[in-house]
N, C-alpha and C. Protein backbone atom coordinates (compact mmCIF):
# COMPACT_ATOMS: atom_id res chain seq x y z
N UNK A 1 -63.38 -119.08 -209.23
CA UNK A 1 -62.38 -118.08 -209.50
C UNK A 1 -61.03 -118.48 -208.88
N UNK A 2 -61.02 -118.86 -207.60
CA UNK A 2 -59.79 -119.32 -206.95
C UNK A 2 -59.36 -120.62 -207.57
N UNK A 3 -60.33 -121.50 -207.87
CA UNK A 3 -60.03 -122.79 -208.49
C UNK A 3 -59.35 -122.61 -209.84
N UNK A 4 -59.81 -121.65 -210.58
CA UNK A 4 -59.24 -121.40 -211.90
C UNK A 4 -57.81 -120.88 -211.76
N UNK A 5 -57.56 -119.98 -210.78
CA UNK A 5 -56.22 -119.46 -210.55
C UNK A 5 -55.27 -120.58 -210.14
N UNK A 6 -55.77 -121.48 -209.26
CA UNK A 6 -54.95 -122.60 -208.78
C UNK A 6 -54.52 -123.50 -209.94
N UNK A 7 -55.40 -123.71 -210.88
CA UNK A 7 -55.09 -124.56 -212.03
C UNK A 7 -54.01 -123.92 -212.91
N UNK A 8 -53.98 -122.60 -212.91
CA UNK A 8 -53.00 -121.90 -213.79
C UNK A 8 -51.65 -121.73 -213.10
N UNK A 9 -51.49 -122.09 -211.81
CA UNK A 9 -50.22 -121.94 -211.08
C UNK A 9 -49.26 -123.01 -211.56
N UNK A 10 -47.99 -122.61 -211.75
CA UNK A 10 -46.97 -123.57 -212.20
C UNK A 10 -46.48 -124.40 -211.03
N UNK A 11 -45.71 -125.45 -211.35
CA UNK A 11 -45.18 -126.36 -210.32
C UNK A 11 -44.24 -125.61 -209.39
N UNK A 12 -43.43 -124.70 -209.94
CA UNK A 12 -42.49 -123.93 -209.13
C UNK A 12 -43.22 -123.02 -208.16
N UNK A 13 -44.30 -122.37 -208.61
CA UNK A 13 -45.09 -121.49 -207.73
C UNK A 13 -45.86 -122.30 -206.69
N UNK A 14 -46.13 -123.53 -207.03
CA UNK A 14 -46.92 -124.42 -206.16
C UNK A 14 -46.08 -125.00 -205.01
N UNK A 15 -44.75 -125.04 -205.14
CA UNK A 15 -43.88 -125.70 -204.16
C UNK A 15 -44.03 -125.15 -202.75
N UNK A 16 -44.05 -123.83 -202.51
CA UNK A 16 -44.18 -123.34 -201.12
C UNK A 16 -45.51 -123.80 -200.49
N UNK A 17 -46.55 -123.82 -201.28
CA UNK A 17 -47.86 -124.25 -200.77
C UNK A 17 -47.86 -125.74 -200.45
N UNK A 18 -47.17 -126.50 -201.30
CA UNK A 18 -47.06 -127.94 -201.07
C UNK A 18 -46.30 -128.19 -199.76
N UNK A 19 -45.22 -127.40 -199.54
CA UNK A 19 -44.43 -127.54 -198.30
C UNK A 19 -45.29 -127.24 -197.08
N UNK A 20 -46.08 -126.16 -197.14
CA UNK A 20 -46.97 -125.81 -196.01
C UNK A 20 -47.99 -126.91 -195.79
N UNK A 21 -48.52 -127.42 -196.92
CA UNK A 21 -49.51 -128.50 -196.83
C UNK A 21 -48.91 -129.73 -196.15
N UNK A 22 -47.74 -130.16 -196.60
CA UNK A 22 -47.12 -131.36 -196.05
C UNK A 22 -46.75 -131.17 -194.56
N UNK A 23 -46.26 -129.97 -194.19
CA UNK A 23 -45.92 -129.69 -192.79
C UNK A 23 -47.18 -129.74 -191.92
N UNK A 24 -48.26 -129.13 -192.41
CA UNK A 24 -49.52 -129.14 -191.68
C UNK A 24 -50.09 -130.55 -191.54
N UNK A 25 -49.97 -131.30 -192.64
CA UNK A 25 -50.47 -132.68 -192.62
C UNK A 25 -49.67 -133.52 -191.62
N UNK A 26 -48.34 -133.33 -191.60
CA UNK A 26 -47.47 -134.08 -190.67
C UNK A 26 -47.83 -133.73 -189.23
N UNK A 27 -48.03 -132.42 -188.94
CA UNK A 27 -48.39 -132.00 -187.58
C UNK A 27 -49.75 -132.59 -187.19
N UNK A 28 -50.69 -132.58 -188.12
CA UNK A 28 -52.02 -133.14 -187.87
C UNK A 28 -51.93 -134.63 -187.56
N UNK A 29 -51.16 -135.36 -188.37
CA UNK A 29 -51.01 -136.81 -188.15
C UNK A 29 -50.34 -137.10 -186.81
N UNK A 30 -49.39 -136.25 -186.39
CA UNK A 30 -48.74 -136.43 -185.09
C UNK A 30 -49.74 -136.23 -183.95
N UNK A 31 -50.57 -135.17 -184.07
CA UNK A 31 -51.59 -134.92 -183.04
C UNK A 31 -52.57 -136.08 -182.96
N UNK A 32 -53.01 -136.56 -184.12
CA UNK A 32 -53.95 -137.69 -184.17
C UNK A 32 -53.32 -138.94 -183.56
N UNK A 33 -52.04 -139.17 -183.90
CA UNK A 33 -51.34 -140.36 -183.38
C UNK A 33 -51.20 -140.26 -181.86
N UNK A 34 -50.89 -139.03 -181.36
CA UNK A 34 -50.75 -138.84 -179.91
C UNK A 34 -52.08 -139.08 -179.21
N UNK A 35 -53.16 -138.52 -179.77
CA UNK A 35 -54.48 -138.73 -179.18
C UNK A 35 -54.86 -140.22 -179.20
N UNK A 36 -54.50 -140.89 -180.30
CA UNK A 36 -54.80 -142.32 -180.42
C UNK A 36 -54.03 -143.11 -179.36
N UNK A 37 -52.74 -142.76 -179.16
CA UNK A 37 -51.92 -143.43 -178.14
C UNK A 37 -52.51 -143.19 -176.75
N UNK A 38 -52.90 -141.93 -176.48
CA UNK A 38 -53.48 -141.60 -175.17
C UNK A 38 -54.78 -142.38 -174.94
N UNK A 39 -55.62 -142.42 -175.98
CA UNK A 39 -56.89 -143.15 -175.87
C UNK A 39 -56.63 -144.63 -175.63
N UNK A 40 -55.65 -145.17 -176.37
CA UNK A 40 -55.31 -146.59 -176.23
C UNK A 40 -54.75 -146.88 -174.84
N UNK A 41 -53.87 -145.98 -174.36
CA UNK A 41 -53.29 -146.20 -173.02
C UNK A 41 -54.37 -146.08 -171.94
N UNK A 42 -55.32 -145.16 -172.11
CA UNK A 42 -56.42 -145.04 -171.14
C UNK A 42 -57.29 -146.30 -171.16
N UNK A 43 -57.54 -146.84 -172.35
CA UNK A 43 -58.33 -148.06 -172.47
C UNK A 43 -57.61 -149.23 -171.79
N UNK A 44 -56.28 -149.31 -172.02
CA UNK A 44 -55.49 -150.36 -171.38
C UNK A 44 -55.49 -150.22 -169.86
N UNK A 45 -55.39 -148.97 -169.39
CA UNK A 45 -55.42 -148.73 -167.95
C UNK A 45 -56.77 -149.14 -167.37
N UNK A 46 -57.85 -148.76 -168.04
CA UNK A 46 -59.19 -149.15 -167.56
C UNK A 46 -59.35 -150.66 -167.55
N UNK A 47 -58.85 -151.32 -168.62
CA UNK A 47 -58.93 -152.79 -168.68
C UNK A 47 -58.15 -153.41 -167.53
N UNK A 48 -56.95 -152.86 -167.26
CA UNK A 48 -56.13 -153.40 -166.18
C UNK A 48 -56.81 -153.19 -164.83
N UNK A 49 -57.43 -152.00 -164.63
CA UNK A 49 -58.13 -151.74 -163.38
C UNK A 49 -59.33 -152.68 -163.22
N UNK A 50 -60.07 -152.90 -164.32
CA UNK A 50 -61.21 -153.83 -164.26
C UNK A 50 -60.73 -155.23 -163.91
N UNK A 51 -59.63 -155.64 -164.54
CA UNK A 51 -59.09 -156.98 -164.28
C UNK A 51 -58.63 -157.09 -162.83
N UNK A 52 -57.95 -156.05 -162.32
CA UNK A 52 -57.49 -156.05 -160.93
C UNK A 52 -58.67 -156.12 -159.98
N UNK A 53 -59.72 -155.32 -160.26
CA UNK A 53 -60.92 -155.33 -159.43
C UNK A 53 -61.58 -156.71 -159.46
N UNK A 54 -61.65 -157.30 -160.66
CA UNK A 54 -62.25 -158.63 -160.78
C UNK A 54 -61.46 -159.66 -159.99
N UNK A 55 -60.13 -159.57 -160.04
CA UNK A 55 -59.29 -160.51 -159.29
C UNK A 55 -59.47 -160.32 -157.78
N UNK A 56 -59.55 -159.05 -157.34
CA UNK A 56 -59.77 -158.79 -155.91
C UNK A 56 -61.11 -159.35 -155.46
N UNK A 57 -62.14 -159.14 -156.29
CA UNK A 57 -63.46 -159.67 -155.95
C UNK A 57 -63.44 -161.20 -155.90
N UNK A 58 -62.74 -161.80 -156.85
CA UNK A 58 -62.63 -163.26 -156.87
C UNK A 58 -61.91 -163.76 -155.63
N UNK A 59 -60.80 -163.09 -155.25
CA UNK A 59 -60.07 -163.49 -154.05
C UNK A 59 -60.95 -163.35 -152.81
N UNK A 60 -61.70 -162.24 -152.71
CA UNK A 60 -62.59 -162.04 -151.57
C UNK A 60 -63.65 -163.13 -151.51
N UNK A 61 -64.21 -163.46 -152.68
CA UNK A 61 -65.23 -164.51 -152.73
C UNK A 61 -64.65 -165.85 -152.29
N UNK A 62 -63.46 -166.18 -152.80
CA UNK A 62 -62.84 -167.46 -152.44
C UNK A 62 -62.52 -167.51 -150.95
N UNK A 63 -62.04 -166.40 -150.40
CA UNK A 63 -61.74 -166.34 -148.97
C UNK A 63 -63.02 -166.49 -148.16
N UNK A 64 -64.08 -165.80 -148.59
CA UNK A 64 -65.37 -165.90 -147.90
C UNK A 64 -65.89 -167.34 -147.95
N UNK A 65 -65.76 -167.97 -149.12
CA UNK A 65 -66.23 -169.34 -149.29
C UNK A 65 -65.45 -170.30 -148.38
N UNK A 66 -64.12 -170.12 -148.32
CA UNK A 66 -63.31 -170.98 -147.45
C UNK A 66 -63.69 -170.79 -145.98
N UNK A 67 -63.89 -169.53 -145.58
CA UNK A 67 -64.27 -169.26 -144.19
C UNK A 67 -65.64 -169.85 -143.87
N UNK A 68 -66.56 -169.76 -144.84
CA UNK A 68 -67.90 -170.32 -144.64
C UNK A 68 -67.81 -171.84 -144.51
N UNK A 69 -66.98 -172.47 -145.34
CA UNK A 69 -66.82 -173.92 -145.24
C UNK A 69 -66.17 -174.31 -143.91
N UNK A 70 -65.19 -173.51 -143.49
CA UNK A 70 -64.51 -173.77 -142.22
C UNK A 70 -65.49 -173.62 -141.06
N UNK A 71 -66.31 -172.55 -141.12
CA UNK A 71 -67.31 -172.33 -140.08
C UNK A 71 -68.36 -173.43 -140.09
N UNK A 72 -68.71 -173.93 -141.28
CA UNK A 72 -69.70 -175.00 -141.39
C UNK A 72 -69.21 -176.28 -140.74
N UNK A 73 -67.89 -176.51 -140.82
CA UNK A 73 -67.34 -177.72 -140.23
C UNK A 73 -67.28 -177.61 -138.72
N UNK A 74 -67.09 -176.40 -138.23
CA UNK A 74 -67.08 -176.20 -136.78
C UNK A 74 -68.51 -176.30 -136.25
N UNK A 75 -68.60 -176.36 -134.95
CA UNK A 75 -69.93 -176.29 -134.34
C UNK A 75 -70.51 -174.92 -134.62
N UNK A 76 -71.82 -174.85 -134.71
CA UNK A 76 -72.46 -173.58 -135.02
C UNK A 76 -72.09 -172.52 -133.98
N UNK A 77 -72.08 -172.93 -132.73
CA UNK A 77 -71.76 -171.98 -131.68
C UNK A 77 -70.87 -172.69 -130.67
N UNK A 78 -69.73 -172.08 -130.37
CA UNK A 78 -68.87 -172.68 -129.37
C UNK A 78 -69.47 -172.42 -128.00
N UNK A 79 -69.38 -173.44 -127.15
CA UNK A 79 -69.96 -173.30 -125.82
C UNK A 79 -69.04 -172.46 -124.95
N UNK A 80 -69.66 -171.55 -124.23
CA UNK A 80 -68.94 -170.70 -123.30
C UNK A 80 -68.85 -171.43 -121.96
N UNK A 81 -67.65 -171.71 -121.48
CA UNK A 81 -67.54 -172.45 -120.21
C UNK A 81 -68.03 -171.65 -119.01
N UNK A 82 -68.11 -170.33 -119.15
CA UNK A 82 -68.57 -169.50 -118.04
C UNK A 82 -70.08 -169.43 -117.94
N UNK A 83 -70.77 -169.87 -118.98
CA UNK A 83 -72.23 -169.78 -118.98
C UNK A 83 -72.80 -170.79 -117.99
N UNK A 84 -73.66 -170.33 -117.06
CA UNK A 84 -74.23 -171.26 -116.07
C UNK A 84 -75.18 -172.27 -116.72
N UNK A 85 -75.28 -173.44 -116.10
CA UNK A 85 -76.14 -174.49 -116.63
C UNK A 85 -77.60 -174.24 -116.24
N UNK A 86 -78.51 -174.75 -117.08
CA UNK A 86 -79.93 -174.65 -116.77
C UNK A 86 -80.27 -175.61 -115.62
N UNK A 87 -81.26 -175.25 -114.81
CA UNK A 87 -81.63 -176.14 -113.70
C UNK A 87 -82.24 -177.45 -114.21
N UNK A 88 -82.08 -178.50 -113.41
CA UNK A 88 -82.61 -179.82 -113.79
C UNK A 88 -84.07 -179.94 -113.37
N UNK A 89 -84.82 -180.66 -114.18
CA UNK A 89 -86.23 -180.94 -113.86
C UNK A 89 -86.31 -182.25 -113.06
N UNK A 90 -87.51 -182.54 -112.55
CA UNK A 90 -87.72 -183.79 -111.81
C UNK A 90 -87.42 -184.99 -112.70
N UNK A 91 -87.82 -184.91 -113.96
CA UNK A 91 -87.57 -186.00 -114.90
C UNK A 91 -86.07 -186.26 -115.06
N UNK A 92 -85.27 -185.18 -115.16
CA UNK A 92 -83.82 -185.36 -115.31
C UNK A 92 -83.20 -185.97 -114.06
N UNK A 93 -83.68 -185.57 -112.87
CA UNK A 93 -83.21 -186.22 -111.65
C UNK A 93 -83.50 -187.73 -111.70
N UNK A 94 -84.71 -188.08 -112.15
CA UNK A 94 -85.12 -189.49 -112.27
C UNK A 94 -84.22 -190.24 -113.26
N UNK A 95 -84.00 -189.66 -114.46
CA UNK A 95 -83.19 -190.36 -115.47
C UNK A 95 -81.76 -190.54 -115.01
N UNK A 96 -81.20 -189.54 -114.33
CA UNK A 96 -79.84 -189.69 -113.82
C UNK A 96 -79.77 -190.82 -112.79
N UNK A 97 -80.77 -190.88 -111.93
CA UNK A 97 -80.83 -191.93 -110.91
C UNK A 97 -80.96 -193.31 -111.55
N UNK A 98 -81.84 -193.44 -112.53
CA UNK A 98 -82.10 -194.73 -113.18
C UNK A 98 -80.95 -195.15 -114.10
N UNK A 99 -80.28 -194.19 -114.72
CA UNK A 99 -79.20 -194.52 -115.65
C UNK A 99 -78.12 -195.35 -114.95
N UNK A 100 -77.80 -194.97 -113.72
CA UNK A 100 -76.79 -195.70 -112.96
C UNK A 100 -77.24 -197.14 -112.73
N UNK A 101 -78.51 -197.31 -112.32
CA UNK A 101 -79.03 -198.65 -112.04
C UNK A 101 -79.09 -199.49 -113.32
N UNK A 102 -79.52 -198.90 -114.42
CA UNK A 102 -79.61 -199.64 -115.68
C UNK A 102 -78.22 -200.00 -116.22
N UNK A 103 -77.27 -199.11 -116.07
CA UNK A 103 -75.90 -199.39 -116.51
C UNK A 103 -75.32 -200.53 -115.69
N UNK A 104 -75.67 -200.60 -114.40
CA UNK A 104 -75.20 -201.69 -113.55
C UNK A 104 -75.75 -203.03 -114.02
N UNK A 105 -76.93 -203.03 -114.62
CA UNK A 105 -77.53 -204.28 -115.13
C UNK A 105 -77.10 -204.57 -116.57
N UNK A 106 -76.06 -203.84 -117.06
CA UNK A 106 -75.49 -204.03 -118.40
C UNK A 106 -76.51 -203.81 -119.53
N UNK A 107 -77.33 -202.81 -119.37
CA UNK A 107 -78.27 -202.46 -120.45
C UNK A 107 -77.52 -201.66 -121.52
N UNK A 108 -77.98 -201.78 -122.75
CA UNK A 108 -77.41 -201.05 -123.87
C UNK A 108 -77.65 -199.55 -123.66
N UNK A 109 -76.61 -198.75 -123.86
CA UNK A 109 -76.73 -197.30 -123.63
C UNK A 109 -77.78 -196.65 -124.51
N UNK A 110 -78.03 -197.20 -125.69
CA UNK A 110 -79.05 -196.63 -126.57
C UNK A 110 -80.46 -196.94 -126.08
N UNK A 111 -80.61 -198.00 -125.31
CA UNK A 111 -81.93 -198.38 -124.80
C UNK A 111 -82.30 -197.62 -123.53
N UNK A 112 -81.30 -197.10 -122.81
CA UNK A 112 -81.55 -196.44 -121.51
C UNK A 112 -82.55 -195.28 -121.63
N UNK A 113 -82.42 -194.35 -122.59
CA UNK A 113 -83.40 -193.27 -122.66
C UNK A 113 -84.82 -193.77 -122.93
N UNK A 114 -84.97 -194.81 -123.77
CA UNK A 114 -86.30 -195.36 -124.05
C UNK A 114 -86.90 -195.96 -122.78
N UNK A 115 -86.08 -196.71 -122.06
CA UNK A 115 -86.56 -197.37 -120.84
C UNK A 115 -86.97 -196.33 -119.80
N UNK A 116 -86.11 -195.33 -119.57
CA UNK A 116 -86.42 -194.32 -118.55
C UNK A 116 -87.66 -193.51 -118.94
N UNK A 117 -87.81 -193.21 -120.22
CA UNK A 117 -88.99 -192.48 -120.67
C UNK A 117 -90.26 -193.27 -120.41
N UNK A 118 -90.26 -194.57 -120.74
CA UNK A 118 -91.43 -195.43 -120.48
C UNK A 118 -91.72 -195.54 -118.99
N UNK A 119 -90.67 -195.72 -118.19
CA UNK A 119 -90.87 -195.84 -116.73
C UNK A 119 -91.49 -194.56 -116.17
N UNK A 120 -91.00 -193.39 -116.65
CA UNK A 120 -91.53 -192.10 -116.15
C UNK A 120 -93.01 -191.95 -116.50
N UNK A 121 -93.37 -192.33 -117.71
CA UNK A 121 -94.77 -192.23 -118.14
C UNK A 121 -95.67 -193.13 -117.30
N UNK A 122 -95.17 -194.29 -116.93
CA UNK A 122 -95.99 -195.27 -116.19
C UNK A 122 -95.98 -195.04 -114.68
N UNK A 123 -95.18 -194.08 -114.21
CA UNK A 123 -95.13 -193.83 -112.76
C UNK A 123 -96.37 -193.07 -112.31
N UNK A 124 -96.77 -193.35 -111.07
CA UNK A 124 -97.90 -192.62 -110.47
C UNK A 124 -97.38 -191.29 -109.95
N UNK A 125 -98.30 -190.39 -109.61
CA UNK A 125 -97.92 -189.09 -109.05
C UNK A 125 -97.18 -189.28 -107.73
N UNK A 126 -97.58 -190.28 -106.98
CA UNK A 126 -96.93 -190.58 -105.70
C UNK A 126 -95.47 -190.96 -105.92
N UNK A 127 -95.22 -191.77 -106.94
CA UNK A 127 -93.85 -192.20 -107.23
C UNK A 127 -93.00 -191.03 -107.76
N UNK A 128 -93.62 -190.16 -108.51
CA UNK A 128 -92.90 -189.01 -109.05
C UNK A 128 -92.59 -187.96 -107.98
N UNK A 129 -93.37 -187.96 -106.90
CA UNK A 129 -93.25 -186.93 -105.88
C UNK A 129 -91.84 -186.85 -105.31
N UNK A 130 -91.19 -188.00 -105.11
CA UNK A 130 -89.83 -188.02 -104.55
C UNK A 130 -88.90 -187.14 -105.41
N UNK A 131 -88.96 -187.32 -106.73
CA UNK A 131 -88.08 -186.56 -107.63
C UNK A 131 -88.48 -185.09 -107.71
N UNK A 132 -89.79 -184.84 -107.56
CA UNK A 132 -90.25 -183.45 -107.55
C UNK A 132 -89.79 -182.74 -106.28
N UNK A 133 -89.74 -183.51 -105.17
CA UNK A 133 -89.24 -182.92 -103.91
C UNK A 133 -87.75 -182.63 -104.03
N UNK A 134 -87.03 -183.56 -104.63
CA UNK A 134 -85.59 -183.33 -104.85
C UNK A 134 -85.42 -182.08 -105.70
N UNK A 135 -86.25 -181.99 -106.70
CA UNK A 135 -86.21 -180.82 -107.57
C UNK A 135 -86.58 -179.57 -106.78
N UNK A 136 -87.61 -179.67 -105.92
CA UNK A 136 -88.06 -178.53 -105.12
C UNK A 136 -86.97 -178.07 -104.16
N UNK A 137 -86.28 -179.05 -103.55
CA UNK A 137 -85.20 -178.68 -102.63
C UNK A 137 -84.01 -178.08 -103.38
N UNK A 138 -84.00 -178.31 -104.65
CA UNK A 138 -82.95 -177.71 -105.46
C UNK A 138 -83.31 -176.32 -105.96
N UNK A 139 -84.45 -175.77 -105.44
CA UNK A 139 -84.89 -174.44 -105.87
C UNK A 139 -83.82 -173.39 -105.57
N UNK A 140 -83.18 -173.52 -104.43
CA UNK A 140 -82.14 -172.54 -104.10
C UNK A 140 -81.03 -172.58 -105.14
N UNK A 141 -80.72 -173.80 -105.60
CA UNK A 141 -79.70 -173.94 -106.65
C UNK A 141 -80.22 -173.32 -107.94
N UNK A 142 -81.51 -173.56 -108.21
CA UNK A 142 -82.12 -173.02 -109.42
C UNK A 142 -82.09 -171.49 -109.38
N UNK A 143 -82.49 -170.93 -108.24
CA UNK A 143 -82.48 -169.47 -108.11
C UNK A 143 -81.07 -168.93 -108.27
N UNK A 144 -80.13 -169.64 -107.67
CA UNK A 144 -78.73 -169.21 -107.79
C UNK A 144 -78.29 -169.26 -109.25
N UNK A 145 -78.69 -170.30 -109.96
CA UNK A 145 -78.33 -170.42 -111.38
C UNK A 145 -79.00 -169.34 -112.22
N UNK A 146 -80.25 -169.01 -111.87
CA UNK A 146 -80.94 -167.94 -112.61
C UNK A 146 -80.22 -166.61 -112.40
N UNK A 147 -79.82 -166.36 -111.15
CA UNK A 147 -79.07 -165.14 -110.85
C UNK A 147 -77.73 -165.13 -111.60
N UNK A 148 -77.08 -166.30 -111.63
CA UNK A 148 -75.83 -166.40 -112.38
C UNK A 148 -76.06 -166.11 -113.86
N UNK A 149 -77.16 -166.65 -114.39
CA UNK A 149 -77.50 -166.44 -115.80
C UNK A 149 -77.73 -164.96 -116.09
N UNK A 150 -78.46 -164.29 -115.21
CA UNK A 150 -78.72 -162.85 -115.38
C UNK A 150 -77.42 -162.06 -115.33
N UNK A 151 -76.55 -162.40 -114.38
CA UNK A 151 -75.26 -161.71 -114.26
C UNK A 151 -74.42 -161.97 -115.51
N UNK A 152 -74.47 -163.19 -116.00
CA UNK A 152 -73.73 -163.56 -117.20
C UNK A 152 -74.22 -162.75 -118.40
N UNK A 153 -75.54 -162.69 -118.58
CA UNK A 153 -76.11 -161.93 -119.70
C UNK A 153 -75.75 -160.45 -119.60
N UNK A 154 -75.83 -159.91 -118.38
CA UNK A 154 -75.51 -158.50 -118.18
C UNK A 154 -74.04 -158.24 -118.54
N UNK A 155 -73.16 -159.16 -118.10
CA UNK A 155 -71.74 -159.02 -118.40
C UNK A 155 -71.50 -159.04 -119.91
N UNK A 156 -72.17 -159.96 -120.61
CA UNK A 156 -72.02 -160.06 -122.07
C UNK A 156 -72.53 -158.79 -122.75
N UNK A 157 -73.67 -158.25 -122.27
CA UNK A 157 -74.21 -157.02 -122.85
C UNK A 157 -73.25 -155.85 -122.64
N UNK A 158 -72.65 -155.78 -121.44
CA UNK A 158 -71.70 -154.71 -121.15
C UNK A 158 -70.47 -154.82 -122.04
N UNK A 159 -69.99 -156.06 -122.24
CA UNK A 159 -68.82 -156.27 -123.11
C UNK A 159 -69.14 -155.85 -124.54
N UNK A 160 -70.35 -156.21 -125.00
CA UNK A 160 -70.76 -155.84 -126.36
C UNK A 160 -70.86 -154.31 -126.49
N UNK A 161 -71.44 -153.66 -125.48
CA UNK A 161 -71.56 -152.19 -125.49
C UNK A 161 -70.20 -151.52 -125.49
N UNK A 162 -69.27 -152.07 -124.70
CA UNK A 162 -67.91 -151.52 -124.64
C UNK A 162 -67.22 -151.67 -125.99
N UNK A 163 -67.39 -152.82 -126.62
CA UNK A 163 -66.79 -153.07 -127.93
C UNK A 163 -67.36 -152.09 -128.96
N UNK A 164 -68.69 -151.88 -128.95
CA UNK A 164 -69.32 -150.96 -129.90
C UNK A 164 -68.79 -149.54 -129.70
N UNK A 165 -68.61 -149.13 -128.44
CA UNK A 165 -68.10 -147.79 -128.17
C UNK A 165 -66.68 -147.65 -128.69
N UNK A 166 -65.87 -148.67 -128.49
CA UNK A 166 -64.49 -148.64 -129.01
C UNK A 166 -64.49 -148.52 -130.53
N UNK A 167 -65.37 -149.27 -131.19
CA UNK A 167 -65.47 -149.21 -132.66
C UNK A 167 -65.89 -147.81 -133.11
N UNK A 168 -66.85 -147.24 -132.40
CA UNK A 168 -67.34 -145.90 -132.74
C UNK A 168 -66.23 -144.86 -132.58
N UNK A 169 -65.49 -144.95 -131.47
CA UNK A 169 -64.38 -144.02 -131.23
C UNK A 169 -63.31 -144.17 -132.30
N UNK A 170 -63.04 -145.40 -132.68
CA UNK A 170 -62.03 -145.67 -133.71
C UNK A 170 -62.46 -145.06 -135.04
N UNK A 171 -63.74 -145.19 -135.39
CA UNK A 171 -64.25 -144.62 -136.64
C UNK A 171 -64.15 -143.09 -136.63
N UNK A 172 -64.49 -142.47 -135.49
CA UNK A 172 -64.38 -141.01 -135.38
C UNK A 172 -62.94 -140.56 -135.58
N UNK A 173 -62.01 -141.29 -134.96
CA UNK A 173 -60.59 -140.96 -135.08
C UNK A 173 -60.13 -141.08 -136.53
N UNK A 174 -60.56 -142.12 -137.21
CA UNK A 174 -60.20 -142.30 -138.62
C UNK A 174 -60.76 -141.17 -139.48
N UNK A 175 -62.00 -140.76 -139.23
CA UNK A 175 -62.60 -139.66 -139.99
C UNK A 175 -61.80 -138.37 -139.78
N UNK A 176 -61.41 -138.10 -138.51
CA UNK A 176 -60.63 -136.90 -138.23
C UNK A 176 -59.29 -136.93 -138.96
N UNK A 177 -58.63 -138.09 -138.93
CA UNK A 177 -57.35 -138.22 -139.62
C UNK A 177 -57.51 -138.01 -141.12
N UNK A 178 -58.59 -138.57 -141.69
CA UNK A 178 -58.84 -138.41 -143.12
C UNK A 178 -59.08 -136.94 -143.47
N UNK A 179 -59.86 -136.23 -142.64
CA UNK A 179 -60.11 -134.81 -142.89
C UNK A 179 -58.83 -134.00 -142.79
N UNK A 180 -57.98 -134.31 -141.80
CA UNK A 180 -56.71 -133.60 -141.66
C UNK A 180 -55.82 -133.85 -142.87
N UNK A 181 -55.79 -135.09 -143.33
CA UNK A 181 -55.00 -135.44 -144.51
C UNK A 181 -55.50 -134.68 -145.74
N UNK A 182 -56.83 -134.60 -145.88
CA UNK A 182 -57.42 -133.88 -147.01
C UNK A 182 -57.08 -132.40 -146.96
N UNK A 183 -57.17 -131.79 -145.76
CA UNK A 183 -56.83 -130.38 -145.60
C UNK A 183 -55.35 -130.14 -145.95
N UNK A 184 -54.49 -131.06 -145.48
CA UNK A 184 -53.07 -130.93 -145.74
C UNK A 184 -52.79 -131.01 -147.24
N UNK A 185 -53.45 -131.94 -147.91
CA UNK A 185 -53.27 -132.12 -149.35
C UNK A 185 -53.73 -130.87 -150.11
N UNK A 186 -54.89 -130.31 -149.71
CA UNK A 186 -55.40 -129.10 -150.37
C UNK A 186 -54.43 -127.94 -150.16
N UNK A 187 -53.91 -127.82 -148.93
CA UNK A 187 -52.96 -126.75 -148.62
C UNK A 187 -51.71 -126.89 -149.47
N UNK A 188 -51.19 -128.11 -149.57
CA UNK A 188 -49.99 -128.35 -150.38
C UNK A 188 -50.26 -128.01 -151.85
N UNK A 189 -51.44 -128.36 -152.35
CA UNK A 189 -51.78 -128.04 -153.75
C UNK A 189 -51.85 -126.54 -153.97
N UNK A 190 -52.44 -125.82 -153.01
CA UNK A 190 -52.53 -124.35 -153.12
C UNK A 190 -51.12 -123.75 -153.13
N UNK A 191 -50.26 -124.25 -152.23
CA UNK A 191 -48.87 -123.74 -152.16
C UNK A 191 -48.16 -124.01 -153.48
N UNK A 192 -48.36 -125.20 -154.05
CA UNK A 192 -47.73 -125.53 -155.33
C UNK A 192 -48.20 -124.58 -156.42
N UNK A 193 -49.50 -124.30 -156.45
CA UNK A 193 -50.07 -123.42 -157.49
C UNK A 193 -49.48 -122.02 -157.35
N UNK A 194 -49.42 -121.50 -156.10
CA UNK A 194 -48.90 -120.16 -155.89
C UNK A 194 -47.41 -120.09 -156.22
N UNK A 195 -46.66 -121.11 -155.83
CA UNK A 195 -45.22 -121.09 -156.12
C UNK A 195 -44.98 -121.22 -157.62
N UNK A 196 -45.81 -121.98 -158.31
CA UNK A 196 -45.68 -122.13 -159.77
C UNK A 196 -45.99 -120.82 -160.48
N UNK A 197 -47.10 -120.16 -160.06
CA UNK A 197 -47.48 -118.90 -160.71
C UNK A 197 -46.48 -117.80 -160.40
N UNK A 198 -45.96 -117.73 -159.17
CA UNK A 198 -45.00 -116.68 -158.83
C UNK A 198 -43.68 -116.92 -159.55
N UNK A 199 -43.33 -118.20 -159.79
CA UNK A 199 -42.11 -118.52 -160.52
C UNK A 199 -42.22 -118.09 -161.98
N UNK A 200 -43.41 -118.22 -162.54
CA UNK A 200 -43.62 -117.85 -163.95
C UNK A 200 -43.52 -116.35 -164.15
N UNK A 201 -43.95 -115.57 -163.19
CA UNK A 201 -43.95 -114.11 -163.33
C UNK A 201 -42.72 -113.59 -162.71
């Protein structure tokens, strides 16, 4: 029924409807174009963020790799000059004593450990006793070194505990600052909303 009426409408009567149609179509196309632009810009933003994140991850990886290579070239652990030395055994007293004598006879430095090791194995208990006595008389030095070692370990533990406490305090302070910043931001947003609504009315 409506279709039949529409077919019987003249071109002149049809013009206002055509105008409404074209205006509506133009508005629709503008909305679609705007949505398309927004979608495209959001996609571009996401792509840029992904690319930035990928670059940051790549930089972090490269930095980590360089640091690992640098650490690999260094000694695994740097020696602490304050760390007390371990006490010497009877065998070490013997090798130190013999090294001087062997060096005086112009022996090759690479052969000295082999020679001293063989000599120690072939020595009788009586011959070894002298070095064991030297070692025994060094007990006071050994005890002193053990006490130094214990004090050293305790000092290192205390330093580590102090560092951990400082880190913990720092983290607490950062959390408090973040919470204060969040509260301030929420307060500012509430003030903006109230000032905007009161301005409108």
